[in-house]
Amino acid sequence: MRWDGQGVSVDDGALPGLQRIGFVRSVRSPQFEGMTFHEIICKSALNKVPNARPNVAGRPAAAMLPFNYTVNGYRGCSHACRYCFARPTHEYLDMDPGADFDTQVVVKTNVAEVLRRELSRRSWQRETVALGTNTDPYQRAEGRYALMPGIIAALRDSGTPFSILTKGTLLRRDLPLITEAARHVDVSVAVSLAVGDPELHKDVEPGTPAPQARLGLISAVREAGLDCHVMVAPVLPHLTDSAAHLDALLRQIAEAGATGVTVFGLHLRGSTRGWFMAWLARSHPELVSVYRELYGRGAYLPSDYKKLLHDRATPLIAKHGLAPDRRSFRSVAAPAVVNTEVLQPTLF
């Protein structure tokens, strides 16, 4: 039978890195062609952002991040974004950060139960928990495993505020639950949408919902009575940074009802750099030398480019009546989250 090889006791040759984190079995399904789901039993769900320090108000806060804790139900992501900053996290599992990251997805099958237990501890201070900081909580795997309803319910029931960042239109499924949770705790929802050109989208974010679908998601979030922030990030130099592209994209985002935007440029950290540059050489070879110069001194764009992007985007944000986030244009705002997963792999 097709499923005979998927029992828990079957030796399926799982990679050694998975054995360290409660590996149960690997599953392939006809509904998810080309994907392998590695199911694990996790021991912890809450990840503490490292290097947290007190802010001026005396409350703990990791550098430049509005949260101290994250929950990630998945490792690896079928969205397959060429630029994804979380790719290096797969190396901890003895997998490659390229094709394996896109197709070998680790699933914490018991994450909601473990989270509920952790949130019930007397020591838990009900600090904001961020969902979607490493890989997308509403990627394709969520359609099979449905981890998010249990995670959201656990946060709601414990009185814990939370935020969600996603490119996945599957969030629509949970809007009634998210809206209900927002009656009890502070909830923020953000959609990531940085590529408005349909052809470029297919090439650089091949596993994500189309731009029009995500615009529809923004509208659905607003119709549910929730604010919806949009991360116009990462902006790709010489591909999505023109005034025309940004103007058109911000206009559509505003028309969809978004309540604010954050704009910042691409960063290329660790093995993500090689994966992205290989794609660039195939799809836009004329830009390879340009990118080598831009990122010649490290993972982040030089200050003069960041100023250029700031000066270009600021009037367009105002033009379309979109409130900028306090972290707008800060190129390390969201990508800094990679430290949670790369520098502290034991937090898995």
C-alpha atoms as a PDB file:
ATOM      1  CA  MET A   1       0.000   0.000   0.000  1.00  0.00           C
ATOM      2  CA  ARG A   2       1.106   3.569  -0.688  1.00  0.00           C
ATOM      3  CA  TRP A   3       1.158   4.461   3.027  1.00  0.00           C
ATOM      4  CA  ASP A   4       2.868   1.281   4.315  1.00  0.00           C
ATOM      5  CA  GLY A   5       6.234   2.996   4.547  1.00  0.00           C
ATOM      6  CA  GLN A   6       4.939   5.801   6.720  1.00  0.00           C
ATOM      7  CA  GLY A   7       4.514   4.038  10.048  1.00  0.00           C
ATOM      8  CA  VAL A   8       6.348   5.333  13.087  1.00  0.00           C
ATOM      9  CA  SER A   9       8.449   2.163  13.368  1.00  0.00           C
ATOM     10  CA  VAL A  10       9.653   2.230   9.753  1.00  0.00           C
ATOM     11  CA  ASP A  11      13.307   3.158   9.180  1.00  0.00           C
ATOM     12  CA  ASP A  12      12.987   5.751   6.443  1.00  0.00           C
ATOM     13  CA  GLY A  13      16.587   6.924   6.513  1.00  0.00           C
ATOM     14  CA  ALA A  14      15.820  10.217   8.251  1.00  0.00           C
ATOM     15  CA  LEU A  15      18.722  12.623   8.329  1.00  0.00           C
ATOM     16  CA  PRO A  16      20.773  12.518  11.560  1.00  0.00           C
ATOM     17  CA  GLY A  17      19.960  16.112  12.457  1.00  0.00           C
ATOM     18  CA  LEU A  18      16.298  15.208  12.897  1.00  0.00           C
ATOM     19  CA  GLN A  19      17.101  12.512  15.440  1.00  0.00           C
ATOM     20  CA  ARG A  20      18.221  15.204  17.889  1.00  0.00           C
ATOM     21  CA  ILE A  21      14.835  16.919  18.025  1.00  0.00           C
ATOM     22  CA  GLY A  22      12.241  14.244  18.711  1.00  0.00           C
ATOM     23  CA  PHE A  23      11.817  12.819  15.203  1.00  0.00           C
ATOM     24  CA  VAL A  24       8.755  10.584  14.738  1.00  0.00           C
ATOM     25  CA  ARG A  25       8.301   9.935  11.019  1.00  0.00           C
ATOM     26  CA  SER A  26       8.578  11.388   7.522  1.00  0.00           C
ATOM     27  CA  VAL A  27       5.415  11.748   5.452  1.00  0.00           C
ATOM     28  CA  ARG A  28       4.828  12.285   1.750  1.00  0.00           C
ATOM     29  CA  SER A  29       1.362  12.952   0.395  1.00  0.00           C
ATOM     30  CA  PRO A  30      -0.039  13.097  -3.157  1.00  0.00           C
ATOM     31  CA  GLN A  31      -1.730  16.382  -2.221  1.00  0.00           C
ATOM     32  CA  PHE A  32       1.683  17.960  -1.579  1.00  0.00           C
ATOM     33  CA  GLU A  33       3.770  16.777  -4.497  1.00  0.00           C
ATOM     34  CA  GLY A  34       7.494  17.268  -4.031  1.00  0.00           C
ATOM     35  CA  MET A  35       7.158  17.936  -0.292  1.00  0.00           C
ATOM     36  CA  THR A  36       8.289  15.811   2.629  1.00  0.00           C
ATOM     37  CA  PHE A  37       6.975  16.527   6.108  1.00  0.00           C
ATOM     38  CA  HIS A  38       9.165  15.413   9.000  1.00  0.00           C
ATOM     39  CA  GLU A  39       6.956  15.094  12.063  1.00  0.00           C
ATOM     40  CA  ILE A  40       8.560  15.654  15.459  1.00  0.00           C
ATOM     41  CA  ILE A  41       7.501  15.742  19.099  1.00  0.00           C
ATOM     42  CA  CYS A  42       8.847  19.004  20.506  1.00  0.00           C
ATOM     43  CA  LYS A  43       9.843  19.529  24.127  1.00  0.00           C
ATOM     44  CA  SER A  44       9.311  23.300  24.105  1.00  0.00           C
ATOM     45  CA  ALA A  45       7.228  25.754  22.098  1.00  0.00           C
ATOM     46  CA  LEU A  46       8.160  29.211  23.373  1.00  0.00           C
ATOM     47  CA  ASN A  47      11.460  30.529  22.015  1.00  0.00           C
ATOM     48  CA  LYS A  48      13.133  33.268  24.032  1.00  0.00           C
ATOM     49  CA  VAL A  49      14.724  35.899  21.814  1.00  0.00           C
ATOM     50  CA  PRO A  50      18.389  35.944  22.861  1.00  0.00           C
ATOM     51  CA  ASN A  51      20.242  38.939  24.215  1.00  0.00           C
ATOM     52  CA  ALA A  52      17.117  40.550  25.645  1.00  0.00           C
ATOM     53  CA  ARG A  53      17.814  43.648  27.681  1.00  0.00           C
ATOM     54  CA  PRO A  54      15.666  46.074  29.692  1.00  0.00           C
ATOM     55  CA  ASN A  55      14.392  49.072  27.768  1.00  0.00           C
ATOM     56  CA  VAL A  56      13.953  52.588  29.139  1.00  0.00           C
ATOM     57  CA  ALA A  57      10.625  51.654  30.689  1.00  0.00           C
ATOM     58  CA  GLY A  58      12.247  48.816  32.587  1.00  0.00           C
ATOM     59  CA  ARG A  59      10.548  46.093  30.580  1.00  0.00           C
ATOM     60  CA  PRO A  60      12.651  43.428  28.891  1.00  0.00           C
ATOM     61  CA  ALA A  61      13.090  43.955  25.146  1.00  0.00           C
ATOM     62  CA  ALA A  62      15.411  42.354  22.611  1.00  0.00           C
ATOM     63  CA  ALA A  63      17.394  44.844  20.604  1.00  0.00           C
ATOM     64  CA  MET A  64      15.105  46.591  18.096  1.00  0.00           C
ATOM     65  CA  LEU A  65      12.401  43.891  18.327  1.00  0.00           C
ATOM     66  CA  PRO A  66       8.931  44.555  19.743  1.00  0.00           C
ATOM     67  CA  PHE A  67       8.742  41.071  21.292  1.00  0.00           C
ATOM     68  CA  ASN A  68      10.804  38.728  23.444  1.00  0.00           C
ATOM     69  CA  TYR A  69       9.171  35.411  22.566  1.00  0.00           C
ATOM     70  CA  THR A  70       8.299  33.549  19.388  1.00  0.00           C
ATOM     71  CA  VAL A  71       6.512  30.338  18.475  1.00  0.00           C
ATOM     72  CA  ASN A  72       7.312  28.505  15.246  1.00  0.00           C
ATOM     73  CA  GLY A  73       5.301  25.431  14.343  1.00  0.00           C
ATOM     74  CA  TYR A  74       7.411  24.670  11.278  1.00  0.00           C
ATOM     75  CA  ARG A  75      11.045  24.660  10.206  1.00  0.00           C
ATOM     76  CA  GLY A  76      11.554  25.017   6.455  1.00  0.00           C
ATOM     77  CA  CYS A  77       9.013  26.658   4.165  1.00  0.00           C
ATOM     78  CA  SER A  78       7.293  25.745   0.922  1.00  0.00           C
ATOM     79  CA  HIS A  79       7.023  29.410  -0.024  1.00  0.00           C
ATOM     80  CA  ALA A  80      10.538  28.936  -1.453  1.00  0.00           C
ATOM     81  CA  CYS A  81      11.377  32.651  -1.444  1.00  0.00           C
ATOM     82  CA  ARG A  82      14.858  32.956  -2.934  1.00  0.00           C
ATOM     83  CA  TYR A  83      15.836  35.576  -0.354  1.00  0.00           C
ATOM     84  CA  CYS A  84      14.437  33.969   2.826  1.00  0.00           C
ATOM     85  CA  PHE A  85      16.655  34.916   5.771  1.00  0.00           C
ATOM     86  CA  ALA A  86      15.695  31.737   7.674  1.00  0.00           C
ATOM     87  CA  ARG A  87      17.398  29.366   5.213  1.00  0.00           C
ATOM     88  CA  PRO A  88      20.510  28.855   7.379  1.00  0.00           C
ATOM     89  CA  THR A  89      18.351  27.293  10.103  1.00  0.00           C
ATOM     90  CA  HIS A  90      18.109  24.088   8.042  1.00  0.00           C
ATOM     91  CA  GLU A  91      21.853  23.557   8.312  1.00  0.00           C
ATOM     92  CA  TYR A  92      21.404  22.775  12.002  1.00  0.00           C
ATOM     93  CA  LEU A  93      19.302  19.802  10.887  1.00  0.00           C
ATOM     94  CA  ASP A  94      22.028  18.565   8.504  1.00  0.00           C
ATOM     95  CA  MET A  95      19.921  19.702   5.560  1.00  0.00           C
ATOM     96  CA  ASP A  96      20.902  22.180   2.889  1.00  0.00           C
ATOM     97  CA  PRO A  97      19.506  25.740   3.020  1.00  0.00           C
ATOM     98  CA  GLY A  98      18.428  25.633  -0.613  1.00  0.00           C
ATOM     99  CA  ALA A  99      16.165  22.935  -2.041  1.00  0.00           C
ATOM    100  CA  ASP A 100      15.848  21.114   1.298  1.00  0.00           C
ATOM    101  CA  PHE A 101      14.590  24.264   3.003  1.00  0.00           C
ATOM    102  CA  ASP A 102      11.882  24.552   0.323  1.00  0.00           C
ATOM    103  CA  THR A 103      10.791  20.905   0.303  1.00  0.00           C
ATOM    104  CA  GLN A 104      11.767  19.266   3.626  1.00  0.00           C
ATOM    105  CA  VAL A 105       9.500  20.815   6.246  1.00  0.00           C
ATOM    106  CA  VAL A 106       9.780  19.915   9.917  1.00  0.00           C
ATOM    107  CA  VAL A 107       6.448  19.899  11.757  1.00  0.00           C
ATOM    108  CA  LYS A 108       6.103  20.215  15.538  1.00  0.00           C
ATOM    109  CA  THR A 109       2.950  18.133  15.763  1.00  0.00           C
ATOM    110  CA  ASN A 110       2.396  18.723  19.488  1.00  0.00           C
ATOM    111  CA  VAL A 111       3.352  22.411  19.573  1.00  0.00           C
ATOM    112  CA  ALA A 112      -0.081  23.646  20.713  1.00  0.00           C
ATOM    113  CA  GLU A 113      -0.214  21.259  23.678  1.00  0.00           C
ATOM    114  CA  VAL A 114       3.324  22.118  24.772  1.00  0.00           C
ATOM    115  CA  LEU A 115       2.624  25.833  24.385  1.00  0.00           C
ATOM    116  CA  ARG A 116      -0.501  25.613  26.515  1.00  0.00           C
ATOM    117  CA  ARG A 117       1.493  23.917  29.267  1.00  0.00           C
ATOM    118  CA  GLU A 118       4.244  26.554  29.118  1.00  0.00           C
ATOM    119  CA  LEU A 119       1.760  29.435  29.220  1.00  0.00           C
ATOM    120  CA  SER A 120       0.126  27.988  32.340  1.00  0.00           C
ATOM    121  CA  ARG A 121       3.290  28.362  34.427  1.00  0.00           C
ATOM    122  CA  ARG A 122       3.138  30.881  37.249  1.00  0.00           C
ATOM    123  CA  SER A 123       6.344  32.437  35.975  1.00  0.00           C
ATOM    124  CA  TRP A 124       4.782  33.365  32.606  1.00  0.00           C
ATOM    125  CA  GLN A 125       4.387  37.158  32.427  1.00  0.00           C
ATOM    126  CA  ARG A 126       2.085  37.247  29.378  1.00  0.00           C
ATOM    127  CA  GLU A 127       4.557  39.038  27.161  1.00  0.00           C
ATOM    128  CA  THR A 128       3.756  39.431  23.470  1.00  0.00           C
ATOM    129  CA  VAL A 129       4.475  36.324  21.390  1.00  0.00           C
ATOM    130  CA  ALA A 130       5.319  36.668  17.694  1.00  0.00           C
ATOM    131  CA  LEU A 131       4.159  34.081  15.159  1.00  0.00           C
ATOM    132  CA  GLY A 132       5.808  33.984  11.737  1.00  0.00           C
ATOM    133  CA  THR A 133       9.280  35.216  12.650  1.00  0.00           C
ATOM    134  CA  ASN A 134      11.196  32.277  11.216  1.00  0.00           C
ATOM    135  CA  THR A 135       9.055  30.485   8.650  1.00  0.00           C
ATOM    136  CA  ASP A 136       5.498  31.233   7.625  1.00  0.00           C
ATOM    137  CA  PRO A 137       2.851  29.795   9.973  1.00  0.00           C
ATOM    138  CA  TYR A 138       0.382  29.698   7.081  1.00  0.00           C
ATOM    139  CA  GLN A 139       2.538  27.926   4.519  1.00  0.00           C
ATOM    140  CA  ARG A 140       1.109  24.897   2.678  1.00  0.00           C
ATOM    141  CA  ALA A 141       1.870  22.484   5.523  1.00  0.00           C
ATOM    142  CA  GLU A 142      -0.648  24.307   7.718  1.00  0.00           C
ATOM    143  CA  GLY A 143      -3.381  23.076   5.389  1.00  0.00           C
ATOM    144  CA  ARG A 144      -2.517  19.533   6.437  1.00  0.00           C
ATOM    145  CA  TYR A 145      -1.543  19.941  10.084  1.00  0.00           C
ATOM    146  CA  ALA A 146      -3.677  22.900  11.264  1.00  0.00           C
ATOM    147  CA  LEU A 147      -1.329  23.875  14.094  1.00  0.00           C
ATOM    148  CA  MET A 148      -2.341  27.530  14.235  1.00  0.00           C
ATOM    149  CA  PRO A 149      -5.866  27.188  15.696  1.00  0.00           C
ATOM    150  CA  GLY A 150      -4.432  25.393  18.719  1.00  0.00           C
ATOM    151  CA  ILE A 151      -1.611  27.925  19.073  1.00  0.00           C
ATOM    152  CA  ILE A 152      -3.975  30.898  18.848  1.00  0.00           C
ATOM    153  CA  ALA A 153      -6.421  29.331  21.323  1.00  0.00           C
ATOM    154  CA  ALA A 154      -3.626  28.639  23.813  1.00  0.00           C
ATOM    155  CA  LEU A 155      -2.444  32.242  23.638  1.00  0.00           C
ATOM    156  CA  ARG A 156      -5.980  33.594  23.969  1.00  0.00           C
ATOM    157  CA  ASP A 157      -6.891  31.375  26.896  1.00  0.00           C
ATOM    158  CA  SER A 158      -3.749  32.345  28.795  1.00  0.00           C
ATOM    159  CA  GLY A 159      -4.286  36.072  28.250  1.00  0.00           C
ATOM    160  CA  THR A 160      -1.154  36.373  26.115  1.00  0.00           C
ATOM    161  CA  PRO A 161      -1.019  39.058  23.382  1.00  0.00           C
ATOM    162  CA  PHE A 162       0.357  37.939  20.029  1.00  0.00           C
ATOM    163  CA  SER A 163       1.232  39.036  16.514  1.00  0.00           C
ATOM    164  CA  ILE A 164       1.030  37.185  13.199  1.00  0.00           C
ATOM    165  CA  LEU A 165       3.109  37.840  10.083  1.00  0.00           C
ATOM    166  CA  THR A 166       2.303  35.840   6.955  1.00  0.00           C
ATOM    167  CA  LYS A 167       2.212  35.634   3.185  1.00  0.00           C
ATOM    168  CA  GLY A 168      -0.286  32.787   3.396  1.00  0.00           C
ATOM    169  CA  THR A 169      -3.923  33.303   2.444  1.00  0.00           C
ATOM    170  CA  LEU A 170      -4.800  30.300   4.617  1.00  0.00           C
ATOM    171  CA  LEU A 171      -5.019  32.842   7.431  1.00  0.00           C
ATOM    172  CA  ARG A 172      -8.549  33.491   6.168  1.00  0.00           C
ATOM    173  CA  ARG A 173      -9.569  30.148   7.691  1.00  0.00           C
ATOM    174  CA  ASP A 174      -8.658  31.381  11.172  1.00  0.00           C
ATOM    175  CA  LEU A 175     -10.041  34.924  10.965  1.00  0.00           C
ATOM    176  CA  PRO A 176     -13.072  34.118  13.166  1.00  0.00           C
ATOM    177  CA  LEU A 177     -10.769  32.664  15.824  1.00  0.00           C
ATOM    178  CA  ILE A 178      -8.289  35.556  15.563  1.00  0.00           C
ATOM    179  CA  THR A 179     -11.112  38.102  15.772  1.00  0.00           C
ATOM    180  CA  GLU A 180     -12.520  36.356  18.830  1.00  0.00           C
ATOM    181  CA  ALA A 181      -9.070  36.274  20.442  1.00  0.00           C
ATOM    182  CA  ALA A 182      -8.721  40.016  19.849  1.00  0.00           C
ATOM    183  CA  ARG A 183     -11.638  40.575  22.218  1.00  0.00           C
ATOM    184  CA  HIS A 184      -9.525  39.176  25.041  1.00  0.00           C
ATOM    185  CA  VAL A 185      -5.901  40.065  24.209  1.00  0.00           C
ATOM    186  CA  ASP A 186      -3.995  42.483  22.007  1.00  0.00           C
ATOM    187  CA  VAL A 187      -3.612  40.975  18.533  1.00  0.00           C
ATOM    188  CA  SER A 188      -1.772  42.376  15.525  1.00  0.00           C
ATOM    189  CA  VAL A 189      -1.856  40.968  12.007  1.00  0.00           C
ATOM    190  CA  ALA A 190       0.611  41.781   9.248  1.00  0.00           C
ATOM    191  CA  VAL A 191       0.810  40.583   5.653  1.00  0.00           C
ATOM    192  CA  SER A 192       4.081  40.464   3.738  1.00  0.00           C
ATOM    193  CA  LEU A 193       3.840  41.801   0.185  1.00  0.00           C
ATOM    194  CA  ALA A 194       6.873  43.282  -1.551  1.00  0.00           C
ATOM    195  CA  VAL A 195       6.625  42.130  -5.173  1.00  0.00           C
ATOM    196  CA  GLY A 196       3.791  43.530  -7.236  1.00  0.00           C
ATOM    197  CA  ASP A 197       4.959  42.306 -10.657  1.00  0.00           C
ATOM    198  CA  PRO A 198       3.281  38.927 -11.362  1.00  0.00           C
ATOM    199  CA  GLU A 199       6.140  37.505 -13.455  1.00  0.00           C
ATOM    200  CA  LEU A 200       8.852  38.470 -10.992  1.00  0.00           C
ATOM    201  CA  HIS A 201       6.686  37.101  -8.184  1.00  0.00           C
ATOM    202  CA  LYS A 202       6.531  33.684  -9.844  1.00  0.00           C
ATOM    203  CA  ASP A 203      10.304  33.627 -10.150  1.00  0.00           C
ATOM    204  CA  VAL A 204      11.429  35.015  -6.806  1.00  0.00           C
ATOM    205  CA  GLU A 205       8.593  33.732  -4.546  1.00  0.00           C
ATOM    206  CA  PRO A 206       7.391  30.655  -6.446  1.00  0.00           C
ATOM    207  CA  GLY A 207       5.528  28.985  -3.580  1.00  0.00           C
ATOM    208  CA  THR A 208       3.628  32.003  -2.264  1.00  0.00           C
ATOM    209  CA  PRO A 209       0.095  33.167  -3.065  1.00  0.00           C
ATOM    210  CA  ALA A 210      -0.049  35.697  -5.903  1.00  0.00           C
ATOM    211  CA  PRO A 211       0.073  39.422  -5.104  1.00  0.00           C
ATOM    212  CA  GLN A 212      -3.634  39.800  -5.909  1.00  0.00           C
ATOM    213  CA  ALA A 213      -4.485  36.986  -3.519  1.00  0.00           C
ATOM    214  CA  ARG A 214      -2.560  38.684  -0.722  1.00  0.00           C
ATOM    215  CA  LEU A 215      -4.272  41.984  -1.461  1.00  0.00           C
ATOM    216  CA  GLY A 216      -7.516  40.093  -1.035  1.00  0.00           C
ATOM    217  CA  LEU A 217      -6.240  38.766   2.286  1.00  0.00           C
ATOM    218  CA  ILE A 218      -5.529  42.313   3.477  1.00  0.00           C
ATOM    219  CA  SER A 219      -9.114  43.259   2.647  1.00  0.00           C
ATOM    220  CA  ALA A 220     -10.449  40.172   4.423  1.00  0.00           C
ATOM    221  CA  VAL A 221      -8.495  41.024   7.577  1.00  0.00           C
ATOM    222  CA  ARG A 222      -9.900  44.553   7.521  1.00  0.00           C
ATOM    223  CA  GLU A 223     -13.422  43.306   6.867  1.00  0.00           C
ATOM    224  CA  ALA A 224     -13.067  41.115   9.951  1.00  0.00           C
ATOM    225  CA  GLY A 225     -12.578  44.294  11.973  1.00  0.00           C
ATOM    226  CA  LEU A 226      -8.814  43.955  12.504  1.00  0.00           C
ATOM    227  CA  ASP A 227      -6.040  46.348  11.590  1.00  0.00           C
ATOM    228  CA  CYS A 228      -3.675  45.009   8.937  1.00  0.00           C
ATOM    229  CA  HIS A 229      -0.096  46.179   8.636  1.00  0.00           C
ATOM    230  CA  VAL A 230       1.853  45.335   5.460  1.00  0.00           C
ATOM    231  CA  MET A 231       5.537  44.532   5.295  1.00  0.00           C
ATOM    232  CA  VAL A 232       6.809  45.790   1.949  1.00  0.00           C
ATOM    233  CA  ALA A 233       9.940  43.806   2.474  1.00  0.00           C
ATOM    234  CA  PRO A 234      12.392  42.938   1.345  1.00  0.00           C
ATOM    235  CA  VAL A 235      12.727  45.509  -1.403  1.00  0.00           C
ATOM    236  CA  LEU A 236      15.070  44.041  -4.050  1.00  0.00           C
ATOM    237  CA  PRO A 237      17.579  46.577  -5.399  1.00  0.00           C
ATOM    238  CA  HIS A 238      17.073  47.290  -9.116  1.00  0.00           C
ATOM    239  CA  LEU A 239      14.171  44.833  -9.253  1.00  0.00           C
ATOM    240  CA  THR A 240      11.430  46.192  -6.995  1.00  0.00           C
ATOM    241  CA  ASP A 241      12.861  49.499  -5.787  1.00  0.00           C
ATOM    242  CA  SER A 242      11.803  51.821  -8.607  1.00  0.00           C
ATOM    243  CA  ALA A 243       9.444  54.669  -7.800  1.00  0.00           C
ATOM    244  CA  ALA A 244       6.983  53.249 -10.326  1.00  0.00           C
ATOM    245  CA  HIS A 245       6.925  49.790  -8.731  1.00  0.00           C
ATOM    246  CA  LEU A 246       6.642  51.127  -5.193  1.00  0.00           C
ATOM    247  CA  ASP A 247       3.975  53.644  -6.177  1.00  0.00           C
ATOM    248  CA  ALA A 248       1.814  51.013  -7.861  1.00  0.00           C
ATOM    249  CA  LEU A 249       2.248  48.509  -5.037  1.00  0.00           C
ATOM    250  CA  LEU A 250       1.538  51.014  -2.264  1.00  0.00           C
ATOM    251  CA  ARG A 251      -1.535  52.244  -4.137  1.00  0.00           C
ATOM    252  CA  GLN A 252      -2.924  48.694  -4.279  1.00  0.00           C
ATOM    253  CA  ILE A 253      -2.079  48.084  -0.637  1.00  0.00           C
ATOM    254  CA  ALA A 254      -3.890  51.264   0.371  1.00  0.00           C
ATOM    255  CA  GLU A 255      -6.905  50.380  -1.776  1.00  0.00           C
ATOM    256  CA  ALA A 256      -7.028  46.965  -0.081  1.00  0.00           C
ATOM    257  CA  GLY A 257      -7.481  48.780   3.230  1.00  0.00           C
ATOM    258  CA  ALA A 258      -4.102  48.360   4.927  1.00  0.00           C
ATOM    259  CA  THR A 259      -3.622  50.486   8.021  1.00  0.00           C
ATOM    260  CA  GLY A 260       0.144  50.930   7.703  1.00  0.00           C
ATOM    261  CA  VAL A 261       3.312  49.763   5.996  1.00  0.00           C
ATOM    262  CA  THR A 262       6.943  49.039   6.769  1.00  0.00           C
ATOM    263  CA  VAL A 263       9.490  49.269   3.955  1.00  0.00           C
ATOM    264  CA  PHE A 264      13.056  48.012   4.085  1.00  0.00           C
ATOM    265  CA  GLY A 265      15.634  46.540   1.748  1.00  0.00           C
ATOM    266  CA  LEU A 266      17.000  43.063   1.177  1.00  0.00           C
ATOM    267  CA  HIS A 267      19.663  41.636   3.430  1.00  0.00           C
ATOM    268  CA  LEU A 268      21.728  38.568   2.534  1.00  0.00           C
ATOM    269  CA  ARG A 269      23.011  36.700   5.558  1.00  0.00           C
ATOM    270  CA  GLY A 270      24.960  33.440   5.614  1.00  0.00           C
ATOM    271  CA  SER A 271      24.003  30.727   3.157  1.00  0.00           C
ATOM    272  CA  THR A 272      20.990  32.734   1.974  1.00  0.00           C
ATOM    273  CA  ARG A 273      23.452  34.899   0.090  1.00  0.00           C
ATOM    274  CA  GLY A 274      24.738  32.063  -2.092  1.00  0.00           C
ATOM    275  CA  TRP A 275      21.245  30.715  -2.815  1.00  0.00           C
ATOM    276  CA  PHE A 276      19.929  34.145  -3.789  1.00  0.00           C
ATOM    277  CA  MET A 277      22.979  35.016  -5.901  1.00  0.00           C
ATOM    278  CA  ALA A 278      22.704  31.714  -7.785  1.00  0.00           C
ATOM    279  CA  TRP A 279      19.095  32.597  -8.623  1.00  0.00           C
ATOM    280  CA  LEU A 280      20.133  36.107  -9.634  1.00  0.00           C
ATOM    281  CA  ALA A 281      22.811  34.713 -11.974  1.00  0.00           C
ATOM    282  CA  ARG A 282      20.161  32.583 -13.704  1.00  0.00           C
ATOM    283  CA  SER A 283      17.354  35.110 -13.899  1.00  0.00           C
ATOM    284  CA  HIS A 284      19.106  38.503 -13.938  1.00  0.00           C
ATOM    285  CA  PRO A 285      22.784  37.972 -14.752  1.00  0.00           C
ATOM    286  CA  GLU A 286      23.187  41.654 -15.598  1.00  0.00           C
ATOM    287  CA  LEU A 287      22.681  42.482 -11.908  1.00  0.00           C
ATOM    288  CA  VAL A 288      25.238  40.102 -10.401  1.00  0.00           C
ATOM    289  CA  SER A 289      28.075  42.626 -10.396  1.00  0.00           C
ATOM    290  CA  VAL A 290      25.739  45.315  -9.047  1.00  0.00           C
ATOM    291  CA  TYR A 291      24.738  43.129  -6.096  1.00  0.00           C
ATOM    292  CA  ARG A 292      28.317  42.124  -5.418  1.00  0.00           C
ATOM    293  CA  GLU A 293      29.158  45.772  -5.075  1.00  0.00           C
ATOM    294  CA  LEU A 294      26.103  46.570  -2.946  1.00  0.00           C
ATOM    295  CA  TYR A 295      26.774  43.689  -0.544  1.00  0.00           C
ATOM    296  CA  GLY A 296      30.538  43.770  -0.790  1.00  0.00           C
ATOM    297  CA  ARG A 297      30.954  44.753   2.846  1.00  0.00           C
ATOM    298  CA  GLY A 298      28.442  42.469   4.482  1.00  0.00           C
ATOM    299  CA  ALA A 299      24.869  41.248   4.700  1.00  0.00           C
ATOM    300  CA  TYR A 300      23.194  44.652   4.742  1.00  0.00           C
ATOM    301  CA  LEU A 301      22.753  47.391   2.202  1.00  0.00           C
ATOM    302  CA  PRO A 302      25.076  50.399   2.466  1.00  0.00           C
ATOM    303  CA  SER A 303      23.779  53.531   4.173  1.00  0.00           C
ATOM    304  CA  ASP A 304      23.596  55.542   0.969  1.00  0.00           C
ATOM    305  CA  TYR A 305      21.261  52.994  -0.613  1.00  0.00           C
ATOM    306  CA  LYS A 306      19.089  52.862   2.510  1.00  0.00           C
ATOM    307  CA  LYS A 307      18.801  56.643   2.404  1.00  0.00           C
ATOM    308  CA  LEU A 308      17.859  56.484  -1.272  1.00  0.00           C
ATOM    309  CA  LEU A 309      15.114  53.962  -0.500  1.00  0.00           C
ATOM    310  CA  HIS A 310      13.902  56.043   2.434  1.00  0.00           C
ATOM    311  CA  ASP A 311      13.738  59.205   0.350  1.00  0.00           C
ATOM    312  CA  ARG A 312      11.924  57.403  -2.440  1.00  0.00           C
ATOM    313  CA  ALA A 313       9.366  55.566  -0.331  1.00  0.00           C
ATOM    314  CA  THR A 314       8.509  58.199   2.267  1.00  0.00           C
ATOM    315  CA  PRO A 315       6.528  60.543  -0.011  1.00  0.00           C
ATOM    316  CA  LEU A 316       4.779  57.577  -1.635  1.00  0.00           C
ATOM    317  CA  ILE A 317       3.650  56.280   1.747  1.00  0.00           C
ATOM    318  CA  ALA A 318       2.274  59.730   2.548  1.00  0.00           C
ATOM    319  CA  LYS A 319       0.690  60.011  -0.894  1.00  0.00           C
ATOM    320  CA  HIS A 320      -1.352  56.869  -0.334  1.00  0.00           C
ATOM    321  CA  GLY A 321      -2.278  57.696   3.250  1.00  0.00           C
ATOM    322  CA  LEU A 322      -0.458  54.761   4.803  1.00  0.00           C
ATOM    323  CA  ALA A 323       0.876  55.225   8.308  1.00  0.00           C
ATOM    324  CA  PRO A 324       4.517  54.186   8.526  1.00  0.00           C
ATOM    325  CA  ASP A 325       5.565  51.829  11.270  1.00  0.00           C
ATOM    326  CA  ARG A 326       8.026  53.195  13.834  1.00  0.00           C
ATOM    327  CA  ARG A 327      10.586  50.749  12.454  1.00  0.00           C
ATOM    328  CA  SER A 328      10.062  51.715   8.805  1.00  0.00           C
ATOM    329  CA  PHE A 329      13.082  51.522   6.535  1.00  0.00           C
ATOM    330  CA  ARG A 330      15.215  49.961   9.268  1.00  0.00           C
ATOM    331  CA  SER A 331      16.850  47.198   7.269  1.00  0.00           C
ATOM    332  CA  VAL A 332      17.503  45.110  10.339  1.00  0.00           C
ATOM    333  CA  ALA A 333      13.995  45.319  11.780  1.00  0.00           C
ATOM    334  CA  ALA A 334      12.484  42.013  10.747  1.00  0.00           C
ATOM    335  CA  PRO A 335      15.599  40.155   9.526  1.00  0.00           C
ATOM    336  CA  ALA A 336      17.170  40.538  12.962  1.00  0.00           C
ATOM    337  CA  VAL A 337      14.777  37.806  14.050  1.00  0.00           C
ATOM    338  CA  VAL A 338      17.068  35.341  12.300  1.00  0.00           C
ATOM    339  CA  ASN A 339      19.285  35.537  15.379  1.00  0.00           C
ATOM    340  CA  THR A 340      16.598  33.759  17.368  1.00  0.00           C
ATOM    341  CA  GLU A 341      16.871  30.712  15.168  1.00  0.00           C
ATOM    342  CA  VAL A 342      20.446  30.719  13.889  1.00  0.00           C
ATOM    343  CA  LEU A 343      22.430  31.780  16.934  1.00  0.00           C
ATOM    344  CA  GLN A 344      20.294  29.722  19.298  1.00  0.00           C
ATOM    345  CA  PRO A 345      19.417  26.519  17.376  1.00  0.00           C
ATOM    346  CA  THR A 346      18.723  24.676  20.635  1.00  0.00           C
ATOM    347  CA  LEU A 347      15.591  26.801  20.972  1.00  0.00           C
ATOM    348  CA  PHE A 348      13.989  24.614  18.338  1.00  0.00           C
END
